[in-house]
């Protein structure tokens, strides 16, 4: 999971975004509006995980039944976990919600393992796994290890709603802030051009693109916070916390607090760009941690960020998009998700 690991997939994600745009054009109505872009973001996220982790085009954006079932089951798992995780361990196996979660996880594992086994079999014939995370894990752990399969399965499970909802909010924030969208478009013109392709070198220069993603995740982090078990007795804000206690850090309260950020409700990517007048030095280095921190930070964050960068780059390069409906907030039942349909209008730039 070195910093450059994800960059290997720029070209593959670029091809995937071409499929995203084909689907988008088919979904637009006579007013060039899409009914709800969130579902397409989920499909893109699952397809991207398939390409990067198991070297397989799952054809989710093309309407595969596999994709529909996987997205439905994963979304259901995260929603049910809200209730299931609060059930005492001793009675959990007898509670319907918990039993449903277990069955869903079994289904997801079986579905993903079928794709993983097929990918390994095809690789022996055509080398199609070359460069993928799955092959790297197999080479490191050995062909008989369960770890590569579990890792790839976890990526398929964890990479749909998380990245899909993050992408939905990112597009919403740009659609409702046309001045920021235009500023990003000007960066794209300057670094890549109106018809150019993303490269590793170009991405390294695109500070405003990355700042847009960071600012969107600050305002609407998909994970409401992080939970840890206290490793020792400690005192937090005057409260004695015994060793073994579950402690939850509600990150969204810090990342939208004016104690740490000026005008915290405003979408202002410039606050993350050094040299901009609005740039802010962190008042607390841990006030904005959408991917967690330290050894338990999101293992797939570099891949998720690359997916988001490629999505935003391609859509802003090709379209000027806008939203004129009621304000959309974040619903934290399960993972954070938009609390209304993402009805966005797309107008071609050229």
Protein backbone atom coordinates (compact mmCIF):
# COMPACT_ATOMS: atom_id res chain seq x y z
CA UNK A 1 0.00 0.00 0.00
CA UNK A 2 2.84 2.36 -0.82
CA UNK A 3 1.89 5.87 -2.03
CA UNK A 4 2.49 4.98 -5.69
CA UNK A 5 0.55 1.70 -5.59
CA UNK A 6 -2.75 3.29 -6.60
CA UNK A 7 -1.28 5.43 -9.39
CA UNK A 8 -0.70 2.26 -11.43
CA UNK A 9 -4.45 2.29 -12.22
CA UNK A 10 -4.88 5.76 -13.74
CA UNK A 11 -5.39 4.42 -17.27
CA UNK A 12 -7.82 1.69 -16.17
CA UNK A 13 -9.91 4.19 -14.21
CA UNK A 14 -9.87 6.55 -17.17
CA UNK A 15 -11.42 3.80 -19.31
CA UNK A 16 -13.95 3.13 -16.57
CA UNK A 17 -14.91 6.80 -16.53
CA UNK A 18 -15.60 6.59 -20.26
CA UNK A 19 -18.18 3.90 -19.40
CA UNK A 20 -19.53 6.13 -16.61
CA UNK A 21 -20.08 8.93 -19.12
CA UNK A 22 -21.85 6.60 -21.57
CA UNK A 23 -24.21 5.50 -18.80
CA UNK A 24 -24.70 9.10 -17.67
CA UNK A 25 -25.70 10.21 -21.17
CA UNK A 26 -28.20 7.35 -21.37
CA UNK A 27 -29.70 8.30 -18.00
CA UNK A 28 -30.15 12.02 -18.70
CA UNK A 29 -33.70 13.21 -19.34
CA UNK A 30 -34.79 15.87 -21.86
CA UNK A 31 -33.56 18.60 -19.51
CA UNK A 32 -30.19 16.84 -19.24
CA UNK A 33 -30.84 15.93 -15.63
CA UNK A 34 -30.19 12.58 -14.01
CA UNK A 35 -32.83 11.38 -11.56
CA UNK A 36 -30.34 10.35 -8.86
CA UNK A 37 -26.60 10.13 -9.49
CA UNK A 38 -25.86 8.25 -6.25
CA UNK A 39 -26.60 4.81 -7.72
CA UNK A 40 -24.20 5.39 -10.62
CA UNK A 41 -21.52 6.43 -8.13
CA UNK A 42 -21.98 3.08 -6.33
CA UNK A 43 -21.66 1.22 -9.62
CA UNK A 44 -18.49 3.11 -10.53
CA UNK A 45 -16.99 2.38 -7.09
CA UNK A 46 -17.63 -1.37 -7.38
CA UNK A 47 -16.30 -1.53 -10.93
CA UNK A 48 -13.17 0.35 -9.84
CA UNK A 49 -12.51 -2.08 -6.97
CA UNK A 50 -12.89 -4.98 -9.39
CA UNK A 51 -10.34 -3.50 -11.79
CA UNK A 52 -7.77 -2.57 -9.15
CA UNK A 53 -8.00 -5.51 -6.77
CA UNK A 54 -8.89 -8.53 -8.92
CA UNK A 55 -8.14 -7.29 -12.42
CA UNK A 56 -11.70 -8.01 -13.52
CA UNK A 57 -14.24 -5.82 -15.27
CA UNK A 58 -17.41 -6.60 -13.36
CA UNK A 59 -19.51 -4.61 -15.88
CA UNK A 60 -21.54 -3.03 -13.11
CA UNK A 61 -21.93 0.25 -15.02
CA UNK A 62 -23.24 -1.82 -17.91
CA UNK A 63 -26.04 -3.19 -15.74
CA UNK A 64 -24.73 -6.61 -14.67
CA UNK A 65 -27.00 -8.56 -12.32
CA UNK A 66 -23.96 -9.35 -10.17
CA UNK A 67 -23.39 -5.65 -9.57
CA UNK A 68 -27.01 -4.99 -8.63
CA UNK A 69 -27.05 -7.84 -6.10
CA UNK A 70 -23.69 -6.94 -4.58
CA UNK A 71 -24.60 -3.26 -4.12
CA UNK A 72 -27.96 -4.19 -2.59
CA UNK A 73 -26.43 -6.69 -0.13
CA UNK A 74 -23.56 -4.44 0.92
CA UNK A 75 -25.88 -1.48 1.53
CA UNK A 76 -28.16 -3.74 3.55
CA UNK A 77 -25.26 -4.99 5.68
CA UNK A 78 -24.13 -1.49 6.65
CA UNK A 79 -27.68 -0.45 7.49
CA UNK A 80 -28.29 -3.53 9.63
CA UNK A 81 -24.96 -3.20 11.44
CA UNK A 82 -26.21 0.00 13.08
CA UNK A 83 -28.57 -2.16 15.11
CA UNK A 84 -26.59 -5.41 15.19
CA UNK A 85 -23.43 -3.91 16.69
CA UNK A 86 -25.32 -2.78 19.80
CA UNK A 87 -26.71 -6.24 20.60
CA UNK A 88 -25.02 -7.98 23.58
CA UNK A 89 -22.72 -10.77 22.40
CA UNK A 90 -24.44 -13.53 24.36
CA UNK A 91 -27.84 -13.05 22.73
CA UNK A 92 -26.71 -11.79 19.30
CA UNK A 93 -26.84 -15.22 17.57
CA UNK A 94 -30.55 -15.46 18.40
CA UNK A 95 -31.57 -11.98 17.20
CA UNK A 96 -33.03 -11.77 13.63
CA UNK A 97 -31.11 -8.60 12.69
CA UNK A 98 -27.80 -10.14 13.67
CA UNK A 99 -28.59 -13.40 11.89
CA UNK A 100 -29.48 -11.45 8.74
CA UNK A 101 -26.13 -9.64 8.88
CA UNK A 102 -24.31 -12.96 9.11
CA UNK A 103 -26.22 -14.41 6.14
CA UNK A 104 -25.61 -11.29 4.06
CA UNK A 105 -21.88 -11.44 4.79
CA UNK A 106 -21.84 -15.10 3.76
CA UNK A 107 -23.61 -14.24 0.50
CA UNK A 108 -21.18 -11.40 -0.21
CA UNK A 109 -18.19 -13.63 0.47
CA UNK A 110 -19.48 -16.37 -1.83
CA UNK A 111 -20.24 -13.87 -4.60
CA UNK A 112 -16.86 -12.18 -4.39
CA UNK A 113 -14.92 -15.45 -4.04
CA UNK A 114 -16.45 -16.71 -7.28
CA UNK A 115 -15.06 -13.65 -9.08
CA UNK A 116 -11.71 -13.93 -7.30
CA UNK A 117 -11.32 -17.65 -8.13
CA UNK A 118 -12.23 -16.95 -11.76
CA UNK A 119 -9.68 -14.13 -11.90
CA UNK A 120 -6.92 -16.42 -10.54
CA UNK A 121 -7.85 -19.13 -13.05
CA UNK A 122 -7.81 -16.68 -15.98
CA UNK A 123 -4.46 -15.28 -14.87
CA UNK A 124 -2.85 -18.68 -15.35
CA UNK A 125 -3.88 -18.50 -19.00
CA UNK A 126 -3.51 -14.83 -19.89
CA UNK A 127 -1.62 -13.08 -17.07
CA UNK A 128 -4.56 -10.72 -16.52
CA UNK A 129 -3.81 -10.20 -12.82
CA UNK A 130 -0.44 -8.62 -13.54
CA UNK A 131 -0.09 -5.46 -11.43
CA UNK A 132 -3.22 -6.05 -9.36
CA UNK A 133 -3.38 -6.02 -5.56
CA UNK A 134 -4.64 -9.61 -5.60
CA UNK A 135 -1.57 -10.92 -7.44
CA UNK A 136 0.78 -8.94 -5.20
CA UNK A 137 -0.87 -10.48 -2.15
CA UNK A 138 -0.69 -13.99 -3.63
CA UNK A 139 3.01 -13.55 -4.38
CA UNK A 140 3.67 -12.28 -0.86
CA UNK A 141 1.48 -14.72 1.09
CA UNK A 142 1.69 -17.81 -1.12
CA UNK A 143 -0.88 -19.47 -3.39
CA UNK A 144 -2.42 -21.50 -0.53
CA UNK A 145 -2.96 -18.55 1.81
CA UNK A 146 -6.50 -17.32 2.55
CA UNK A 147 -5.25 -13.76 3.09
CA UNK A 148 -5.36 -12.61 -0.59
CA UNK A 149 -8.96 -13.81 -0.97
CA UNK A 150 -10.04 -12.18 2.32
CA UNK A 151 -8.27 -8.95 1.35
CA UNK A 152 -9.94 -8.81 -2.07
CA UNK A 153 -13.32 -9.69 -0.55
CA UNK A 154 -12.96 -6.94 2.05
CA UNK A 155 -12.12 -4.47 -0.73
CA UNK A 156 -15.30 -5.39 -2.61
CA UNK A 157 -17.34 -5.15 0.59
CA UNK A 158 -15.82 -1.92 1.91
CA UNK A 159 -15.34 -0.03 -1.33
CA UNK A 160 -18.91 0.42 -2.57
CA UNK A 161 -20.98 2.56 -0.20
CA UNK A 162 -17.94 4.33 1.24
CA UNK A 163 -16.46 5.61 -2.03
CA UNK A 164 -19.85 5.82 -3.74
CA UNK A 165 -21.36 8.14 -1.13
CA UNK A 166 -18.14 10.17 -0.87
CA UNK A 167 -18.27 10.66 -4.65
CA UNK A 168 -21.94 11.69 -4.49
CA UNK A 169 -21.24 14.42 -1.93
CA UNK A 170 -18.17 15.58 -3.83
CA UNK A 171 -20.22 16.11 -7.00
CA UNK A 172 -23.00 17.77 -5.01
CA UNK A 173 -20.57 20.25 -3.43
CA UNK A 174 -19.13 21.18 -6.84
CA UNK A 175 -22.60 21.39 -8.41
CA UNK A 176 -23.77 23.82 -5.71
CA UNK A 177 -20.59 25.91 -5.85
CA UNK A 178 -20.19 26.86 -9.54
CA UNK A 179 -17.35 29.29 -8.79
CA UNK A 180 -15.29 26.46 -7.26
CA UNK A 181 -16.18 24.19 -10.16
CA UNK A 182 -14.98 26.82 -12.62
CA UNK A 183 -11.75 27.25 -10.70
CA UNK A 184 -11.14 23.51 -10.90
CA UNK A 185 -11.93 23.56 -14.64
CA UNK A 186 -9.32 26.27 -15.14
CA UNK A 187 -6.75 24.12 -13.33
CA UNK A 188 -7.64 21.21 -15.61
CA UNK A 189 -7.20 23.41 -18.70
CA UNK A 190 -3.86 24.67 -17.45
CA UNK A 191 -2.40 21.30 -16.44
CA UNK A 192 -4.05 18.85 -18.87
CA UNK A 193 -6.15 20.71 -21.40
CA UNK A 194 -9.74 20.38 -22.61
CA UNK A 195 -9.10 17.02 -24.31
CA UNK A 196 -6.04 15.78 -22.42
CA UNK A 197 -5.70 12.58 -20.40
CA UNK A 198 -4.76 12.32 -16.74
CA UNK A 199 -1.22 11.15 -15.99
CA UNK A 200 0.72 10.57 -12.80
CA UNK A 201 2.72 13.73 -13.45
CA UNK A 202 -0.40 15.82 -14.11
CA UNK A 203 -2.12 14.54 -10.97
CA UNK A 204 0.87 15.58 -8.90
CA UNK A 205 0.32 19.19 -10.06
CA UNK A 206 -3.42 19.32 -9.43
CA UNK A 207 -3.55 20.84 -5.98
CA UNK A 208 -7.04 22.30 -6.32
CA UNK A 209 -8.52 18.98 -7.48
CA UNK A 210 -7.16 17.28 -4.36
CA UNK A 211 -8.29 20.18 -2.18
CA UNK A 212 -11.87 19.81 -3.49
CA UNK A 213 -11.90 16.17 -2.42
CA UNK A 214 -10.43 16.99 0.99
CA UNK A 215 -12.88 19.80 1.64
CA UNK A 216 -15.90 17.73 0.64
CA UNK A 217 -14.81 14.92 2.97
CA UNK A 218 -14.37 17.45 5.78
CA UNK A 219 -17.96 18.69 5.47
CA UNK A 220 -19.54 15.28 4.90
CA UNK A 221 -17.30 12.45 6.15
CA UNK A 222 -18.91 9.11 5.33
CA UNK A 223 -17.78 7.53 8.60
CA UNK A 224 -19.28 9.51 11.48
CA UNK A 225 -16.18 8.72 13.53
CA UNK A 226 -13.86 6.00 14.77
CA UNK A 227 -14.12 3.59 17.70
CA UNK A 228 -11.21 2.27 19.70
CA UNK A 229 -10.86 0.20 22.86
CA UNK A 230 -8.89 2.02 25.55
CA UNK A 231 -5.58 0.19 25.98
CA UNK A 232 -5.05 1.60 29.45
CA UNK A 233 -6.78 3.66 32.09
CA UNK A 234 -6.94 7.28 30.95
CA UNK A 235 -8.60 10.63 31.55
CA UNK A 236 -10.38 12.37 28.64
CA UNK A 237 -11.76 15.88 29.20
CA UNK A 238 -11.96 15.23 32.92
CA UNK A 239 -13.66 11.83 32.59
CA UNK A 240 -11.98 8.68 33.94
CA UNK A 241 -11.96 6.05 31.17
CA UNK A 242 -11.15 2.51 32.39
CA UNK A 243 -9.02 0.18 30.30
CA UNK A 244 -11.15 -1.87 27.89
CA UNK A 245 -13.81 0.82 27.41
CA UNK A 246 -15.11 1.50 23.88
CA UNK A 247 -14.34 5.12 23.05
CA UNK A 248 -15.93 6.76 20.00
CA UNK A 249 -14.49 9.85 18.39
CA UNK A 250 -17.32 11.64 16.54
CA UNK A 251 -15.16 13.12 13.81
CA UNK A 252 -17.88 15.09 12.03
CA UNK A 253 -18.34 17.25 15.14
CA UNK A 254 -14.71 18.35 14.98
CA UNK A 255 -14.44 18.74 11.22
CA UNK A 256 -17.42 21.14 11.14
CA UNK A 257 -16.61 23.06 14.35
CA UNK A 258 -15.70 26.76 14.06
CA UNK A 259 -13.21 26.16 16.84
CA UNK A 260 -11.04 24.42 14.26
CA UNK A 261 -12.21 25.83 10.90
CA UNK A 262 -13.29 29.29 9.83
CA UNK A 263 -16.81 29.33 8.34
CA UNK A 264 -16.99 25.53 8.72
CA UNK A 265 -20.22 25.05 6.75
CA UNK A 266 -18.78 26.73 3.63
CA UNK A 267 -17.27 24.63 0.83
CA UNK A 268 -13.88 26.31 0.51
CA UNK A 269 -11.17 24.10 -1.02
CA UNK A 270 -8.76 27.04 -0.85
CA UNK A 271 -8.36 26.44 2.89
CA UNK A 272 -6.21 23.40 1.97
CA UNK A 273 -4.05 25.07 -0.70
CA UNK A 274 -0.88 26.70 0.48
CA UNK A 275 -0.39 30.15 -1.01
CA UNK A 276 -4.13 30.92 -1.21
CA UNK A 277 -5.34 33.84 0.95
CA UNK A 278 -7.93 31.53 2.53
CA UNK A 279 -5.37 28.87 3.43
CA UNK A 280 -5.63 27.88 7.08
CA UNK A 281 -2.94 26.31 9.18
CA UNK A 282 -4.36 23.37 11.14
CA UNK A 283 -5.47 24.38 14.62
CA UNK A 284 -5.61 20.70 15.47
CA UNK A 285 -3.96 18.07 13.29
CA UNK A 286 -6.68 15.56 14.22
CA UNK A 287 -9.71 17.75 13.51
CA UNK A 288 -10.23 16.29 10.04
CA UNK A 289 -9.55 12.55 9.68
CA UNK A 290 -12.10 11.14 7.18
CA UNK A 291 -9.88 8.09 6.57
CA UNK A 292 -8.79 7.61 10.17
CA UNK A 293 -5.23 7.90 11.45
CA UNK A 294 -2.22 5.78 12.29
CA UNK A 295 -1.94 1.99 11.95
CA UNK A 296 -5.74 1.61 11.86
CA UNK A 297 -6.27 4.18 9.10
CA UNK A 298 -8.23 3.09 6.01
CA UNK A 299 -5.99 0.64 4.18
CA UNK A 300 -7.59 1.49 0.83
CA UNK A 301 -7.60 5.28 1.10
CA UNK A 302 -5.10 5.87 -1.72
CA UNK A 303 -7.22 3.79 -4.09
CA UNK A 304 -10.42 5.54 -2.99
CA UNK A 305 -8.86 8.96 -3.48
CA UNK A 306 -7.65 8.05 -6.96
CA UNK A 307 -11.19 6.92 -7.87
CA UNK A 308 -12.52 10.27 -6.65
CA UNK A 309 -9.84 12.29 -8.47
CA UNK A 310 -10.53 10.51 -11.77
CA UNK A 311 -14.30 10.87 -11.39
CA UNK A 312 -14.10 14.58 -10.67
CA UNK A 313 -11.48 15.28 -13.32
CA UNK A 314 -13.40 13.57 -16.12
CA UNK A 315 -16.77 15.08 -15.28
CA UNK A 316 -15.51 18.64 -14.79
CA UNK A 317 -13.44 18.39 -17.96
CA UNK A 318 -16.46 17.29 -20.01
CA UNK A 319 -19.40 18.98 -18.27
CA UNK A 320 -20.62 22.01 -16.41
CA UNK A 321 -23.01 20.57 -13.84
CA UNK A 322 -25.48 22.18 -11.45
CA UNK A 323 -28.06 21.39 -8.77
CA UNK A 324 -31.12 23.51 -7.99
CA UNK A 325 -33.16 21.30 -5.66
CA UNK A 326 -33.51 21.35 -1.88
CA UNK A 327 -30.31 21.29 0.15
CA UNK A 328 -28.95 17.79 0.66
CA UNK A 329 -27.66 16.77 4.06
CA UNK A 330 -26.03 13.61 5.34
CA UNK A 331 -27.93 10.69 6.82
CA UNK A 332 -25.87 8.64 9.29
CA UNK A 333 -28.01 5.53 9.42
CA UNK A 334 -25.24 3.08 8.63
CA UNK A 335 -22.61 4.85 6.55
CA UNK A 336 -23.19 8.50 5.79
CA UNK A 337 -25.28 8.94 2.65
CA UNK A 338 -27.22 11.76 0.94
CA UNK A 339 -30.65 12.29 2.52
CA UNK A 340 -32.24 13.07 -0.83
CA UNK A 341 -31.92 12.28 -4.56
CA UNK A 342 -28.89 13.77 -6.30
CA UNK A 343 -30.76 15.30 -9.24
CA UNK A 344 -27.92 17.00 -11.13
CA UNK A 345 -28.02 18.73 -14.52
CA UNK A 346 -25.09 18.13 -16.91
CA UNK A 347 -24.31 20.48 -19.81
CA UNK A 348 -21.52 19.64 -22.24
CA UNK A 349 -18.68 22.14 -22.29
CA UNK A 350 -17.86 21.59 -25.96
